[in-house]
Amino acid sequence: MYLGELQNKDVVSLNDGRNLGKIVDVEIDSNGCITNILIEKRRFFIKLFGSSSQYNITFKEINKIGDDVILINI
């Protein structure tokens, strides 16, 4: 799977069902394995003012990668 394919999926929390946003960046270790993902949630008003909130999730917190969503357990 390519990074571009991951970036098109919504990231959803298993605990409360919230849509946290989309993946904007990943951190890769020296072995080529993904260690962290950076999720950015943008809202309409935040886009207007250029600010956004971000979540840094470890790759171990990912529960399932589906066709449309990525489920995380945080």
PDB file of N, CA and C in Angstrom:
ATOM      1  N   MET A   1       0.833  -1.165   0.000  1.00  0.00           N
ATOM      2  CA  MET A   1       0.000   0.000   0.000  1.00  0.00           C
ATOM      3  C   MET A   1       0.888   1.240   0.000  1.00  0.00           C
ATOM      4  N   TYR A   2       0.510   2.217  -0.790  1.00  0.00           N
ATOM      5  CA  TYR A   2       1.259   3.458  -0.907  1.00  0.00           C
ATOM      6  C   TYR A   2       0.764   4.487   0.099  1.00  0.00           C
ATOM      7  N   LEU A   3       1.621   5.463   0.415  1.00  0.00           N
ATOM      8  CA  LEU A   3       1.246   6.533   1.331  1.00  0.00           C
ATOM      9  C   LEU A   3       0.055   7.319   0.788  1.00  0.00           C
ATOM     10  N   GLY A   4       0.014   7.533  -0.512  1.00  0.00           N
ATOM     11  CA  GLY A   4      -1.104   8.254  -1.125  1.00  0.00           C
ATOM     12  C   GLY A   4      -2.436   7.557  -0.909  1.00  0.00           C
ATOM     13  N   GLU A   5      -2.420   6.233  -0.865  1.00  0.00           N
ATOM     14  CA  GLU A   5      -3.645   5.486  -0.595  1.00  0.00           C
ATOM     15  C   GLU A   5      -4.076   5.643   0.861  1.00  0.00           C
ATOM     16  N   LEU A   6      -3.109   5.683   1.776  1.00  0.00           N
ATOM     17  CA  LEU A   6      -3.425   5.894   3.186  1.00  0.00           C
ATOM     18  C   LEU A   6      -3.989   7.290   3.425  1.00  0.00           C
ATOM     19  N   GLN A   7      -3.484   8.268   2.700  1.00  0.00           N
ATOM     20  CA  GLN A   7      -3.910   9.654   2.902  1.00  0.00           C
ATOM     21  C   GLN A   7      -5.349   9.893   2.463  1.00  0.00           C
ATOM     22  N   ASN A   8      -5.912   9.032   1.645  1.00  0.00           N
ATOM     23  CA  ASN A   8      -7.289   9.192   1.197  1.00  0.00           C
ATOM     24  C   ASN A   8      -8.304   8.581   2.153  1.00  0.00           C
ATOM     25  N   LYS A   9      -7.843   7.900   3.198  1.00  0.00           N
ATOM     26  CA  LYS A   9      -8.746   7.224   4.132  1.00  0.00           C
ATOM     27  C   LYS A   9      -9.010   8.102   5.351  1.00  0.00           C
ATOM     28  N   ASP A  10     -10.239   8.031   5.870  1.00  0.00           N
ATOM     29  CA  ASP A  10     -10.570   8.708   7.119  1.00  0.00           C
ATOM     30  C   ASP A  10     -10.029   7.890   8.279  1.00  0.00           C
ATOM     31  N   VAL A  11      -9.583   8.563   9.330  1.00  0.00           N
ATOM     32  CA  VAL A  11      -9.102   7.897  10.528  1.00  0.00           C
ATOM     33  C   VAL A  11     -10.184   8.036  11.598  1.00  0.00           C
ATOM     34  N   VAL A  12     -10.656   6.892  12.109  1.00  0.00           N
ATOM     35  CA  VAL A  12     -11.778   6.862  13.049  1.00  0.00           C
ATOM     36  C   VAL A  12     -11.342   6.184  14.343  1.00  0.00           C
ATOM     37  N   SER A  13     -11.728   6.785  15.468  1.00  0.00           N
ATOM     38  CA  SER A  13     -11.427   6.228  16.789  1.00  0.00           C
ATOM     39  C   SER A  13     -12.420   5.129  17.127  1.00  0.00           C
ATOM     40  N   LEU A  14     -11.919   3.995  17.606  1.00  0.00           N
ATOM     41  CA  LEU A  14     -12.788   2.898  18.019  1.00  0.00           C
ATOM     42  C   LEU A  14     -13.501   3.194  19.338  1.00  0.00           C
ATOM     43  N   ASN A  15     -12.909   4.031  20.175  1.00  0.00           N
ATOM     44  CA  ASN A  15     -13.486   4.298  21.495  1.00  0.00           C
ATOM     45  C   ASN A  15     -14.787   5.080  21.426  1.00  0.00           C
ATOM     46  N   ASP A  16     -14.826   6.135  20.612  1.00  0.00           N
ATOM     47  CA  ASP A  16     -16.021   6.967  20.575  1.00  0.00           C
ATOM     48  C   ASP A  16     -16.582   7.186  19.175  1.00  0.00           C
ATOM     49  N   GLY A  17     -15.972   6.592  18.154  1.00  0.00           N
ATOM     50  CA  GLY A  17     -16.491   6.696  16.796  1.00  0.00           C
ATOM     51  C   GLY A  17     -16.219   8.014  16.103  1.00  0.00           C
ATOM     52  N   ARG A  18     -15.390   8.871  16.706  1.00  0.00           N
ATOM     53  CA  ARG A  18     -15.092  10.171  16.100  1.00  0.00           C
ATOM     54  C   ARG A  18     -14.211  10.012  14.866  1.00  0.00           C
ATOM     55  N   ASN A  19     -14.502  10.826  13.867  1.00  0.00           N
ATOM     56  CA  ASN A  19     -13.634  10.918  12.696  1.00  0.00           C
ATOM     57  C   ASN A  19     -12.541  11.914  13.053  1.00  0.00           C
ATOM     58  N   LEU A  20     -11.314  11.428  13.189  1.00  0.00           N
ATOM     59  CA  LEU A  20     -10.210  12.283  13.615  1.00  0.00           C
ATOM     60  C   LEU A  20      -9.615  13.090  12.476  1.00  0.00           C
ATOM     61  N   GLY A  21      -9.817  12.682  11.247  1.00  0.00           N
ATOM     62  CA  GLY A  21      -9.282  13.411  10.111  1.00  0.00           C
ATOM     63  C   GLY A  21      -8.589  12.491   9.122  1.00  0.00           C
ATOM     64  N   LYS A  22      -7.596  13.034   8.450  1.00  0.00           N
ATOM     65  CA  LYS A  22      -6.853  12.280   7.436  1.00  0.00           C
ATOM     66  C   LYS A  22      -5.369  12.312   7.753  1.00  0.00           C
ATOM     67  N   ILE A  23      -4.647  11.321   7.249  1.00  0.00           N
ATOM     68  CA  ILE A  23      -3.196  11.250   7.428  1.00  0.00           C
ATOM     69  C   ILE A  23      -2.531  12.290   6.531  1.00  0.00           C
ATOM     70  N   VAL A  24      -1.634  13.078   7.118  1.00  0.00           N
ATOM     71  CA  VAL A  24      -0.896  14.069   6.337  1.00  0.00           C
ATOM     72  C   VAL A  24       0.590  13.733   6.244  1.00  0.00           C
ATOM     73  N   ASP A  25       1.097  12.927   7.197  1.00  0.00           N
ATOM     74  CA  ASP A  25       2.517  12.599   7.171  1.00  0.00           C
ATOM     75  C   ASP A  25       2.752  11.336   7.987  1.00  0.00           C
ATOM     76  N   VAL A  26       3.852  10.663   7.716  1.00  0.00           N
ATOM     77  CA  VAL A  26       4.241   9.484   8.482  1.00  0.00           C
ATOM     78  C   VAL A  26       5.701   9.606   8.885  1.00  0.00           C
ATOM     79  N   GLU A  27       6.070   8.933   9.972  1.00  0.00           N
ATOM     80  CA  GLU A  27       7.453   8.875  10.415  1.00  0.00           C
ATOM     81  C   GLU A  27       7.948   7.455  10.186  1.00  0.00           C
ATOM     82  N   ILE A  28       9.096   7.323   9.538  1.00  0.00           N
ATOM     83  CA  ILE A  28       9.642   6.019   9.173  1.00  0.00           C
ATOM     84  C   ILE A  28      10.985   5.839   9.861  1.00  0.00           C
ATOM     85  N   ASP A  29      11.215   4.659  10.448  1.00  0.00           N
ATOM     86  CA  ASP A  29      12.488   4.398  11.112  1.00  0.00           C
ATOM     87  C   ASP A  29      13.555   3.986  10.098  1.00  0.00           C
ATOM     88  N   SER A  30      14.746   3.679  10.583  1.00  0.00           N
ATOM     89  CA  SER A  30      15.865   3.354   9.694  1.00  0.00           C
ATOM     90  C   SER A  30      15.677   2.030   8.959  1.00  0.00           C
ATOM     91  N   ASN A  31      14.756   1.182   9.439  1.00  0.00           N
ATOM     92  CA  ASN A  31      14.475  -0.095   8.776  1.00  0.00           C
ATOM     93  C   ASN A  31      13.393   0.027   7.710  1.00  0.00           C
ATOM     94  N   GLY A  32      12.804   1.213   7.576  1.00  0.00           N
ATOM     95  CA  GLY A  32      11.761   1.422   6.584  1.00  0.00           C
ATOM     96  C   GLY A  32      10.365   1.121   7.075  1.00  0.00           C
ATOM     97  N   CYS A  33      10.202   0.957   8.397  1.00  0.00           N
ATOM     98  CA  CYS A  33       8.894   0.669   8.981  1.00  0.00           C
ATOM     99  C   CYS A  33       8.256   1.962   9.497  1.00  0.00           C
ATOM    100  N   ILE A  34       6.948   2.070   9.330  1.00  0.00           N
ATOM    101  CA  ILE A  34       6.230   3.247   9.827  1.00  0.00           C
ATOM    102  C   ILE A  34       6.135   3.156  11.341  1.00  0.00           C
ATOM    103  N   THR A  35       6.532   4.216  12.047  1.00  0.00           N
ATOM    104  CA  THR A  35       6.459   4.241  13.505  1.00  0.00           C
ATOM    105  C   THR A  35       5.342   5.155  14.006  1.00  0.00           C
ATOM    106  N   ASN A  36       5.107   6.283  13.364  1.00  0.00           N
ATOM    107  CA  ASN A  36       4.074   7.234  13.765  1.00  0.00           C
ATOM    108  C   ASN A  36       3.357   7.762  12.540  1.00  0.00           C
ATOM    109  N   ILE A  37       2.098   8.152  12.743  1.00  0.00           N
ATOM    110  CA  ILE A  37       1.365   8.832  11.684  1.00  0.00           C
ATOM    111  C   ILE A  37       0.853  10.154  12.242  1.00  0.00           C
ATOM    112  N   LEU A  38       0.831  11.169  11.417  1.00  0.00           N
ATOM    113  CA  LEU A  38       0.353  12.487  11.796  1.00  0.00           C
ATOM    114  C   LEU A  38      -0.992  12.704  11.125  1.00  0.00           C
ATOM    115  N   ILE A  39      -2.013  12.940  11.945  1.00  0.00           N
ATOM    116  CA  ILE A  39      -3.370  13.126  11.451  1.00  0.00           C
ATOM    117  C   ILE A  39      -3.741  14.584  11.639  1.00  0.00           C
ATOM    118  N   GLU A  40      -4.299  15.172  10.599  1.00  0.00           N
ATOM    119  CA  GLU A  40      -4.704  16.574  10.677  1.00  0.00           C
ATOM    120  C   GLU A  40      -6.198  16.680  10.460  1.00  0.00           C
ATOM    121  N   LYS A  41      -6.864  17.306  11.410  1.00  0.00           N
ATOM    122  CA  LYS A  41      -8.297  17.529  11.283  1.00  0.00           C
ATOM    123  C   LYS A  41      -8.515  18.995  10.977  1.00  0.00           C
ATOM    124  N   ARG A  42      -9.135  19.250   9.870  1.00  0.00           N
ATOM    125  CA  ARG A  42      -9.430  20.624   9.473  1.00  0.00           C
ATOM    126  C   ARG A  42     -10.933  20.803   9.427  1.00  0.00           C
ATOM    127  N   ARG A  43     -11.362  21.895   9.931  1.00  0.00           N
ATOM    128  CA  ARG A  43     -12.760  22.273   9.848  1.00  0.00           C
ATOM    129  C   ARG A  43     -12.873  23.475   8.934  1.00  0.00           C
ATOM    130  N   PHE A  44     -14.066  23.765   8.522  1.00  0.00           N
ATOM    131  CA  PHE A  44     -14.279  24.843   7.560  1.00  0.00           C
ATOM    132  C   PHE A  44     -13.740  26.177   8.080  1.00  0.00           C
ATOM    133  N   PHE A  45     -14.082  26.543   9.307  1.00  0.00           N
ATOM    134  CA  PHE A  45     -13.653  27.837   9.833  1.00  0.00           C
ATOM    135  C   PHE A  45     -12.154  27.866  10.098  1.00  0.00           C
ATOM    136  N   ILE A  46     -11.598  26.729  10.502  1.00  0.00           N
ATOM    137  CA  ILE A  46     -10.156  26.667  10.744  1.00  0.00           C
ATOM    138  C   ILE A  46      -9.403  26.833   9.435  1.00  0.00           C
ATOM    139  N   LYS A  47      -9.945  26.290   8.340  1.00  0.00           N
ATOM    140  CA  LYS A  47      -9.298  26.453   7.036  1.00  0.00           C
ATOM    141  C   LYS A  47      -9.225  27.925   6.638  1.00  0.00           C
ATOM    142  N   LEU A  48     -10.260  28.669   6.971  1.00  0.00           N
ATOM    143  CA  LEU A  48     -10.280  30.083   6.615  1.00  0.00           C
ATOM    144  C   LEU A  48      -9.181  30.863   7.316  1.00  0.00           C
ATOM    145  N   PHE A  49      -8.871  30.496   8.548  1.00  0.00           N
ATOM    146  CA  PHE A  49      -7.889  31.224   9.325  1.00  0.00           C
ATOM    147  C   PHE A  49      -6.508  30.584   9.312  1.00  0.00           C
ATOM    148  N   GLY A  50      -6.347  29.462   8.620  1.00  0.00           N
ATOM    149  CA  GLY A  50      -5.034  28.843   8.421  1.00  0.00           C
ATOM    150  C   GLY A  50      -4.511  28.048   9.597  1.00  0.00           C
ATOM    151  N   SER A  51      -5.338  27.705  10.543  1.00  0.00           N
ATOM    152  CA  SER A  51      -4.913  26.938  11.701  1.00  0.00           C
ATOM    153  C   SER A  51      -5.534  25.545  11.642  1.00  0.00           C
ATOM    154  N   SER A  52      -4.914  24.582  12.273  1.00  0.00           N
ATOM    155  CA  SER A  52      -5.481  23.234  12.282  1.00  0.00           C
ATOM    156  C   SER A  52      -5.037  22.513  13.540  1.00  0.00           C
ATOM    157  N   SER A  53      -5.728  21.447  13.866  1.00  0.00           N
ATOM    158  CA  SER A  53      -5.326  20.614  14.991  1.00  0.00           C
ATOM    159  C   SER A  53      -4.716  19.334  14.431  1.00  0.00           C
ATOM    160  N   GLN A  54      -3.735  18.795  15.153  1.00  0.00           N
ATOM    161  CA  GLN A  54      -3.049  17.602  14.678  1.00  0.00           C
ATOM    162  C   GLN A  54      -2.978  16.576  15.792  1.00  0.00           C
ATOM    163  N   TYR A  55      -2.991  15.316  15.403  1.00  0.00           N
ATOM    164  CA  TYR A  55      -2.829  14.196  16.308  1.00  0.00           C
ATOM    165  C   TYR A  55      -1.620  13.391  15.851  1.00  0.00           C
ATOM    166  N   ASN A  56      -0.788  12.977  16.802  1.00  0.00           N
ATOM    167  CA  ASN A  56       0.345  12.115  16.499  1.00  0.00           C
ATOM    168  C   ASN A  56       0.028  10.737  17.071  1.00  0.00           C
ATOM    169  N   ILE A  57      -0.156   9.753  16.209  1.00  0.00           N
ATOM    170  CA  ILE A  57      -0.580   8.415  16.596  1.00  0.00           C
ATOM    171  C   ILE A  57       0.546   7.429  16.282  1.00  0.00           C
ATOM    172  N   THR A  58       0.842   6.537  17.223  1.00  0.00           N
ATOM    173  CA  THR A  58       1.839   5.514  16.931  1.00  0.00           C
ATOM    174  C   THR A  58       1.208   4.443  16.036  1.00  0.00           C
ATOM    175  N   PHE A  59       2.027   3.808  15.255  1.00  0.00           N
ATOM    176  CA  PHE A  59       1.522   2.798  14.318  1.00  0.00           C
ATOM    177  C   PHE A  59       0.924   1.606  15.059  1.00  0.00           C
ATOM    178  N   LYS A  60       1.377   1.367  16.291  1.00  0.00           N
ATOM    179  CA  LYS A  60       0.850   0.250  17.083  1.00  0.00           C
ATOM    180  C   LYS A  60      -0.594   0.488  17.506  1.00  0.00           C
ATOM    181  N   GLU A  61      -1.052   1.728  17.494  1.00  0.00           N
ATOM    182  CA  GLU A  61      -2.423   2.048  17.887  1.00  0.00           C
ATOM    183  C   GLU A  61      -3.432   1.797  16.759  1.00  0.00           C
ATOM    184  N   ILE A  62      -2.944   1.509  15.557  1.00  0.00           N
ATOM    185  CA  ILE A  62      -3.841   1.202  14.443  1.00  0.00           C
ATOM    186  C   ILE A  62      -4.382  -0.210  14.634  1.00  0.00           C
ATOM    187  N   ASN A  63      -5.706  -0.324  14.622  1.00  0.00           N
ATOM    188  CA  ASN A  63      -6.354  -1.610  14.810  1.00  0.00           C
ATOM    189  C   ASN A  63      -6.633  -2.293  13.482  1.00  0.00           C
ATOM    190  N   LYS A  64      -7.128  -1.551  12.498  1.00  0.00           N
ATOM    191  CA  LYS A  64      -7.507  -2.138  11.212  1.00  0.00           C
ATOM    192  C   LYS A  64      -7.425  -1.073  10.130  1.00  0.00           C
ATOM    193  N   ILE A  65      -6.901  -1.452   8.967  1.00  0.00           N
ATOM    194  CA  ILE A  65      -6.908  -0.587   7.790  1.00  0.00           C
ATOM    195  C   ILE A  65      -7.870  -1.190   6.802  1.00  0.00           C
ATOM    196  N   GLY A  66      -8.993  -0.502   6.578  1.00  0.00           N
ATOM    197  CA  GLY A  66     -10.024  -0.992   5.680  1.00  0.00           C
ATOM    198  C   GLY A  66      -9.964  -0.306   4.322  1.00  0.00           C
ATOM    199  N   ASP A  67     -11.004  -0.516   3.508  1.00  0.00           N
ATOM    200  CA  ASP A  67     -11.053   0.085   2.192  1.00  0.00           C
ATOM    201  C   ASP A  67     -11.243   1.601   2.246  1.00  0.00           C
ATOM    202  N   ASP A  68     -12.036   2.068   3.215  1.00  0.00           N
ATOM    203  CA  ASP A  68     -12.354   3.493   3.303  1.00  0.00           C
ATOM    204  C   ASP A  68     -11.852   4.166   4.566  1.00  0.00           C
ATOM    205  N   VAL A  69     -11.620   3.413   5.620  1.00  0.00           N
ATOM    206  CA  VAL A  69     -11.245   4.000   6.907  1.00  0.00           C
ATOM    207  C   VAL A  69     -10.074   3.260   7.538  1.00  0.00           C
ATOM    208  N   ILE A  70      -9.433   3.963   8.466  1.00  0.00           N
ATOM    209  CA  ILE A  70      -8.406   3.379   9.318  1.00  0.00           C
ATOM    210  C   ILE A  70      -8.941   3.474  10.743  1.00  0.00           C
ATOM    211  N   LEU A  71      -9.070   2.345  11.422  1.00  0.00           N
ATOM    212  CA  LEU A  71      -9.586   2.313  12.778  1.00  0.00           C
ATOM    213  C   LEU A  71      -8.429   2.305  13.757  1.00  0.00           C
ATOM    214  N   ILE A  72      -8.470   3.229  14.724  1.00  0.00           N
ATOM    215  CA  ILE A  72      -7.403   3.309  15.719  1.00  0.00           C
ATOM    216  C   ILE A  72      -7.995   3.147  17.106  1.00  0.00           C
ATOM    217  N   ASN A  73      -7.190   2.646  18.009  1.00  0.00           N
ATOM    218  CA  ASN A  73      -7.604   2.411  19.385  1.00  0.00           C
ATOM    219  C   ASN A  73      -6.808   3.321  20.303  1.00  0.00           C
ATOM    220  N   ILE A  74      -7.375   4.502  20.571  1.00  0.00           N
ATOM    221  CA  ILE A  74      -6.710   5.440  21.510  1.00  0.00           C
ATOM    222  C   ILE A  74      -7.685   5.836  22.589  1.00  0.00           C
TER     223      ILE A  74
END
